[in-house]
Amino acid sequence: MQRRTELLEIKCPVGVTQNVIGGKWKIVIIWQLKDGVKRFNELQKALPGIRQGYLTQQLRELEQDGLVHREVYKEVPPKVEYSLTDMGNKFLKVMDKMFEWGIEYIDFIRS
């Protein structure tokens, strides 16, 4: 709850967005979850440069901000799955535009 209060104090929608998705891996984590539910190990394999502790931290922040849902199954060993929330899925529209811009920018820097 304190996190959401802090975000509301920013008062600039772009600043709020930057704060929520800021972090080296958050956007890539969201992009990995766009196709559906993934377990922690699947995410870690898809992001080979990320440390386990940092992936955990980024997922917790995305969960706290309401973009990612964490489902824990009472099994041995514990099974944890991550998926996008409705708000996370809405952010995919922004991600699609970022993807398009990225393609254009790659072409620009190659020329």
N, C-alpha and C. Protein backbone atom coordinates (compact mmCIF):
# COMPACT_ATOMS: atom_id res chain seq x y z
N MET A 1 0.83 -1.19 0.00
CA MET A 1 0.00 0.00 0.00
C MET A 1 0.87 1.25 0.00
N GLN A 2 1.97 1.22 0.73
CA GLN A 2 2.86 2.37 0.78
C GLN A 2 3.44 2.65 -0.62
N ARG A 3 3.75 1.60 -1.36
CA ARG A 3 4.29 1.76 -2.71
C ARG A 3 3.31 2.52 -3.59
N ARG A 4 2.04 2.18 -3.51
CA ARG A 4 1.05 2.85 -4.34
C ARG A 4 0.89 4.31 -3.94
N THR A 5 0.99 4.58 -2.65
CA THR A 5 0.94 5.96 -2.18
C THR A 5 2.12 6.74 -2.74
N GLU A 6 3.31 6.13 -2.74
CA GLU A 6 4.50 6.78 -3.30
C GLU A 6 4.31 7.06 -4.79
N LEU A 7 3.73 6.11 -5.52
CA LEU A 7 3.50 6.32 -6.95
C LEU A 7 2.54 7.47 -7.20
N LEU A 8 1.50 7.57 -6.38
CA LEU A 8 0.54 8.66 -6.54
C LEU A 8 1.16 10.02 -6.28
N GLU A 9 2.18 10.06 -5.46
CA GLU A 9 2.86 11.32 -5.16
C GLU A 9 3.66 11.84 -6.34
N ILE A 10 3.98 10.97 -7.30
CA ILE A 10 4.76 11.39 -8.47
C ILE A 10 3.97 12.38 -9.32
N LYS A 11 2.66 12.17 -9.44
CA LYS A 11 1.73 13.07 -10.11
C LYS A 11 1.91 13.19 -11.62
N CYS A 12 2.91 12.59 -12.19
CA CYS A 12 3.13 12.62 -13.64
C CYS A 12 2.95 11.20 -14.18
N PRO A 13 1.98 10.99 -15.06
CA PRO A 13 1.73 9.64 -15.57
C PRO A 13 2.96 8.97 -16.19
N VAL A 14 3.77 9.73 -16.90
CA VAL A 14 4.98 9.17 -17.49
C VAL A 14 5.97 8.77 -16.40
N GLY A 15 6.07 9.60 -15.37
CA GLY A 15 6.94 9.28 -14.24
C GLY A 15 6.48 8.04 -13.49
N VAL A 16 5.17 7.89 -13.34
CA VAL A 16 4.63 6.69 -12.69
C VAL A 16 4.98 5.46 -13.51
N THR A 17 4.75 5.54 -14.82
CA THR A 17 5.06 4.42 -15.71
C THR A 17 6.53 4.06 -15.63
N GLN A 18 7.39 5.06 -15.68
CA GLN A 18 8.83 4.83 -15.60
C GLN A 18 9.19 4.16 -14.29
N ASN A 19 8.56 4.59 -13.21
CA ASN A 19 8.86 4.03 -11.90
C ASN A 19 8.41 2.57 -11.81
N VAL A 20 7.26 2.25 -12.38
CA VAL A 20 6.73 0.88 -12.31
C VAL A 20 7.56 -0.08 -13.16
N ILE A 21 7.97 0.34 -14.35
CA ILE A 21 8.70 -0.57 -15.23
C ILE A 21 10.21 -0.37 -15.19
N GLY A 22 10.66 0.60 -14.35
CA GLY A 22 12.08 0.84 -14.23
C GLY A 22 12.78 -0.35 -13.64
N GLY A 23 13.97 -0.58 -14.07
CA GLY A 23 14.72 -1.75 -13.65
C GLY A 23 15.19 -2.46 -14.90
N LYS A 24 16.34 -3.01 -14.83
CA LYS A 24 16.97 -3.60 -16.01
C LYS A 24 16.14 -4.70 -16.64
N TRP A 25 15.39 -5.45 -15.85
CA TRP A 25 14.75 -6.66 -16.35
C TRP A 25 13.23 -6.63 -16.40
N LYS A 26 12.59 -5.64 -15.83
CA LYS A 26 11.13 -5.67 -15.72
C LYS A 26 10.42 -5.76 -17.07
N ILE A 27 10.84 -4.96 -18.01
CA ILE A 27 10.19 -4.98 -19.33
C ILE A 27 10.39 -6.34 -19.99
N VAL A 28 11.57 -6.90 -19.86
CA VAL A 28 11.85 -8.20 -20.47
C VAL A 28 11.05 -9.30 -19.77
N ILE A 29 10.88 -9.20 -18.48
CA ILE A 29 10.06 -10.18 -17.75
C ILE A 29 8.62 -10.10 -18.25
N ILE A 30 8.09 -8.91 -18.37
CA ILE A 30 6.73 -8.74 -18.88
C ILE A 30 6.61 -9.34 -20.28
N TRP A 31 7.61 -9.07 -21.13
CA TRP A 31 7.61 -9.60 -22.49
C TRP A 31 7.63 -11.13 -22.48
N GLN A 32 8.37 -11.73 -21.56
CA GLN A 32 8.42 -13.19 -21.46
C GLN A 32 7.07 -13.77 -21.03
N LEU A 33 6.33 -13.02 -20.24
CA LEU A 33 5.04 -13.51 -19.73
C LEU A 33 3.88 -13.25 -20.69
N LYS A 34 4.15 -12.57 -21.79
CA LYS A 34 3.07 -12.22 -22.72
C LYS A 34 2.40 -13.44 -23.32
N ASP A 35 3.12 -14.55 -23.44
CA ASP A 35 2.55 -15.76 -24.04
C ASP A 35 1.90 -16.68 -23.03
N GLY A 36 1.91 -16.30 -21.76
CA GLY A 36 1.23 -17.11 -20.76
C GLY A 36 2.07 -17.37 -19.53
N VAL A 37 1.56 -18.28 -18.72
CA VAL A 37 2.12 -18.61 -17.42
C VAL A 37 3.52 -19.22 -17.57
N LYS A 38 4.41 -18.80 -16.68
CA LYS A 38 5.76 -19.37 -16.65
C LYS A 38 6.17 -19.62 -15.20
N ARG A 39 6.94 -20.66 -15.02
CA ARG A 39 7.51 -20.94 -13.72
C ARG A 39 8.80 -20.14 -13.58
N PHE A 40 9.26 -20.02 -12.33
CA PHE A 40 10.45 -19.23 -12.04
C PHE A 40 11.63 -19.71 -12.88
N ASN A 41 11.85 -21.02 -12.92
CA ASN A 41 13.00 -21.56 -13.66
C ASN A 41 12.91 -21.28 -15.15
N GLU A 42 11.70 -21.27 -15.69
CA GLU A 42 11.52 -20.94 -17.11
C GLU A 42 11.94 -19.50 -17.38
N LEU A 43 11.54 -18.61 -16.49
CA LEU A 43 11.95 -17.21 -16.63
C LEU A 43 13.46 -17.07 -16.52
N GLN A 44 14.04 -17.76 -15.56
CA GLN A 44 15.48 -17.67 -15.36
C GLN A 44 16.23 -18.18 -16.59
N LYS A 45 15.77 -19.25 -17.20
CA LYS A 45 16.41 -19.77 -18.41
C LYS A 45 16.23 -18.82 -19.59
N ALA A 46 15.09 -18.15 -19.66
CA ALA A 46 14.83 -17.21 -20.75
C ALA A 46 15.64 -15.92 -20.60
N LEU A 47 16.14 -15.66 -19.39
CA LEU A 47 16.92 -14.45 -19.10
C LEU A 47 18.27 -14.87 -18.52
N PRO A 48 19.15 -15.41 -19.35
CA PRO A 48 20.38 -16.02 -18.83
C PRO A 48 21.32 -15.07 -18.08
N GLY A 49 21.20 -13.78 -18.29
CA GLY A 49 22.09 -12.84 -17.62
C GLY A 49 21.63 -12.39 -16.25
N ILE A 50 20.47 -12.82 -15.81
CA ILE A 50 19.91 -12.32 -14.56
C ILE A 50 20.28 -13.23 -13.39
N ARG A 51 20.61 -12.62 -12.27
CA ARG A 51 20.88 -13.39 -11.04
C ARG A 51 19.54 -13.78 -10.42
N GLN A 52 19.53 -14.92 -9.75
CA GLN A 52 18.31 -15.45 -9.14
C GLN A 52 17.68 -14.45 -8.18
N GLY A 53 18.48 -13.85 -7.34
CA GLY A 53 17.97 -12.89 -6.36
C GLY A 53 17.37 -11.66 -7.01
N TYR A 54 17.97 -11.22 -8.10
CA TYR A 54 17.46 -10.03 -8.78
C TYR A 54 16.16 -10.35 -9.51
N LEU A 55 16.06 -11.55 -10.10
CA LEU A 55 14.80 -11.97 -10.74
C LEU A 55 13.69 -11.99 -9.70
N THR A 56 13.98 -12.56 -8.53
CA THR A 56 13.00 -12.60 -7.44
C THR A 56 12.56 -11.19 -7.07
N GLN A 57 13.51 -10.28 -6.93
CA GLN A 57 13.19 -8.90 -6.56
C GLN A 57 12.33 -8.22 -7.61
N GLN A 58 12.70 -8.38 -8.88
CA GLN A 58 11.94 -7.73 -9.95
C GLN A 58 10.52 -8.30 -10.03
N LEU A 59 10.38 -9.62 -9.86
CA LEU A 59 9.05 -10.23 -9.87
C LEU A 59 8.21 -9.74 -8.70
N ARG A 60 8.81 -9.61 -7.54
CA ARG A 60 8.07 -9.11 -6.37
C ARG A 60 7.58 -7.69 -6.58
N GLU A 61 8.44 -6.85 -7.17
CA GLU A 61 8.04 -5.47 -7.43
C GLU A 61 6.92 -5.42 -8.46
N LEU A 62 7.02 -6.24 -9.52
CA LEU A 62 5.96 -6.27 -10.52
C LEU A 62 4.65 -6.79 -9.92
N GLU A 63 4.77 -7.74 -9.00
CA GLU A 63 3.58 -8.25 -8.31
C GLU A 63 2.99 -7.16 -7.41
N GLN A 64 3.84 -6.49 -6.67
CA GLN A 64 3.39 -5.42 -5.77
C GLN A 64 2.71 -4.29 -6.55
N ASP A 65 3.19 -4.02 -7.76
CA ASP A 65 2.62 -2.95 -8.58
C ASP A 65 1.41 -3.41 -9.39
N GLY A 66 1.06 -4.68 -9.28
CA GLY A 66 -0.16 -5.18 -9.90
C GLY A 66 -0.05 -5.59 -11.35
N LEU A 67 1.16 -5.80 -11.85
CA LEU A 67 1.33 -6.22 -13.24
C LEU A 67 1.51 -7.73 -13.37
N VAL A 68 1.99 -8.36 -12.32
CA VAL A 68 2.26 -9.80 -12.34
C VAL A 68 1.52 -10.48 -11.20
N HIS A 69 0.98 -11.66 -11.50
CA HIS A 69 0.33 -12.49 -10.48
C HIS A 69 1.25 -13.67 -10.16
N ARG A 70 1.37 -13.96 -8.90
CA ARG A 70 2.19 -15.08 -8.42
C ARG A 70 1.26 -16.11 -7.79
N GLU A 71 1.31 -17.32 -8.33
CA GLU A 71 0.48 -18.41 -7.82
C GLU A 71 1.39 -19.47 -7.21
N VAL A 72 1.17 -19.73 -5.92
CA VAL A 72 1.97 -20.73 -5.20
C VAL A 72 1.10 -21.96 -4.97
N TYR A 73 1.62 -23.11 -5.37
CA TYR A 73 0.92 -24.38 -5.18
C TYR A 73 1.54 -25.10 -4.00
N LYS A 74 0.70 -25.62 -3.14
CA LYS A 74 1.16 -26.33 -1.94
C LYS A 74 1.61 -27.73 -2.34
N GLU A 75 2.83 -27.82 -2.82
CA GLU A 75 3.42 -29.09 -3.24
C GLU A 75 4.83 -29.18 -2.67
N VAL A 76 5.37 -30.36 -2.73
CA VAL A 76 6.78 -30.55 -2.36
C VAL A 76 7.46 -31.15 -3.58
N PRO A 77 8.44 -30.45 -4.16
CA PRO A 77 8.88 -29.09 -3.84
C PRO A 77 7.81 -28.06 -4.26
N PRO A 78 7.86 -26.88 -3.65
CA PRO A 78 6.86 -25.86 -3.96
C PRO A 78 6.88 -25.50 -5.45
N LYS A 79 5.71 -25.30 -5.99
CA LYS A 79 5.57 -24.90 -7.39
C LYS A 79 5.03 -23.47 -7.40
N VAL A 80 5.72 -22.59 -8.11
CA VAL A 80 5.30 -21.19 -8.20
C VAL A 80 5.22 -20.81 -9.68
N GLU A 81 4.10 -20.22 -10.05
CA GLU A 81 3.90 -19.78 -11.43
C GLU A 81 3.62 -18.28 -11.46
N TYR A 82 4.05 -17.66 -12.55
CA TYR A 82 3.86 -16.23 -12.73
C TYR A 82 3.08 -15.99 -14.02
N SER A 83 2.20 -15.01 -13.97
CA SER A 83 1.43 -14.63 -15.14
C SER A 83 1.14 -13.13 -15.06
N LEU A 84 0.70 -12.59 -16.18
CA LEU A 84 0.33 -11.17 -16.19
C LEU A 84 -1.08 -10.99 -15.66
N THR A 85 -1.28 -9.92 -14.93
CA THR A 85 -2.62 -9.53 -14.47
C THR A 85 -3.31 -8.80 -15.63
N ASP A 86 -4.53 -8.38 -15.41
CA ASP A 86 -5.22 -7.57 -16.42
C ASP A 86 -4.43 -6.30 -16.72
N MET A 87 -3.91 -5.67 -15.68
CA MET A 87 -3.13 -4.45 -15.87
C MET A 87 -1.83 -4.75 -16.63
N GLY A 88 -1.22 -5.88 -16.33
CA GLY A 88 -0.02 -6.30 -17.05
C GLY A 88 -0.31 -6.54 -18.53
N ASN A 89 -1.45 -7.16 -18.80
CA ASN A 89 -1.85 -7.40 -20.20
C ASN A 89 -2.13 -6.09 -20.92
N LYS A 90 -2.68 -5.11 -20.22
CA LYS A 90 -2.92 -3.80 -20.84
C LYS A 90 -1.60 -3.14 -21.22
N PHE A 91 -0.56 -3.39 -20.43
CA PHE A 91 0.75 -2.80 -20.72
C PHE A 91 1.35 -3.39 -22.00
N LEU A 92 0.89 -4.56 -22.43
CA LEU A 92 1.41 -5.17 -23.65
C LEU A 92 1.17 -4.29 -24.88
N LYS A 93 0.13 -3.46 -24.84
CA LYS A 93 -0.09 -2.51 -25.94
C LYS A 93 1.09 -1.55 -26.05
N VAL A 94 1.57 -1.11 -24.91
CA VAL A 94 2.74 -0.23 -24.88
C VAL A 94 3.97 -1.00 -25.37
N MET A 95 4.09 -2.25 -24.94
CA MET A 95 5.22 -3.09 -25.34
C MET A 95 5.25 -3.31 -26.85
N ASP A 96 4.07 -3.50 -27.44
CA ASP A 96 4.00 -3.68 -28.89
C ASP A 96 4.54 -2.45 -29.61
N LYS A 97 4.18 -1.28 -29.13
CA LYS A 97 4.69 -0.03 -29.73
C LYS A 97 6.20 0.09 -29.52
N MET A 98 6.67 -0.30 -28.35
CA MET A 98 8.11 -0.28 -28.08
C MET A 98 8.84 -1.24 -29.01
N PHE A 99 8.24 -2.39 -29.27
CA PHE A 99 8.82 -3.38 -30.18
C PHE A 99 8.94 -2.78 -31.59
N GLU A 100 7.86 -2.16 -32.06
CA GLU A 100 7.89 -1.53 -33.38
C GLU A 100 8.95 -0.44 -33.46
N TRP A 101 9.01 0.38 -32.43
CA TRP A 101 10.00 1.46 -32.41
C TRP A 101 11.41 0.87 -32.39
N GLY A 102 11.61 -0.20 -31.63
CA GLY A 102 12.91 -0.85 -31.56
C GLY A 102 13.38 -1.34 -32.91
N ILE A 103 12.47 -1.92 -33.69
CA ILE A 103 12.82 -2.37 -35.04
C ILE A 103 13.23 -1.19 -35.90
N GLU A 104 12.46 -0.12 -35.85
CA GLU A 104 12.80 1.08 -36.61
C GLU A 104 14.14 1.67 -36.17
N TYR A 105 14.37 1.66 -34.87
CA TYR A 105 15.62 2.24 -34.36
C TYR A 105 16.82 1.39 -34.78
N ILE A 106 16.67 0.08 -34.76
CA ILE A 106 17.76 -0.79 -35.21
C ILE A 106 18.10 -0.49 -36.66
N ASP A 107 17.08 -0.33 -37.52
CA ASP A 107 17.30 0.04 -38.90
C ASP A 107 18.00 1.39 -39.00
N PHE A 108 17.60 2.33 -38.17
CA PHE A 108 18.20 3.67 -38.16
C PHE A 108 19.68 3.61 -37.80
N ILE A 109 20.04 2.86 -36.76
CA ILE A 109 21.45 2.85 -36.35
C ILE A 109 22.31 2.00 -37.29
N ARG A 110 21.69 1.12 -38.03
CA ARG A 110 22.45 0.32 -39.03
C ARG A 110 22.75 1.13 -40.28
N SER A 111 21.95 2.16 -40.54
CA SER A 111 22.14 2.92 -41.79
C SER A 111 23.16 4.02 -41.64
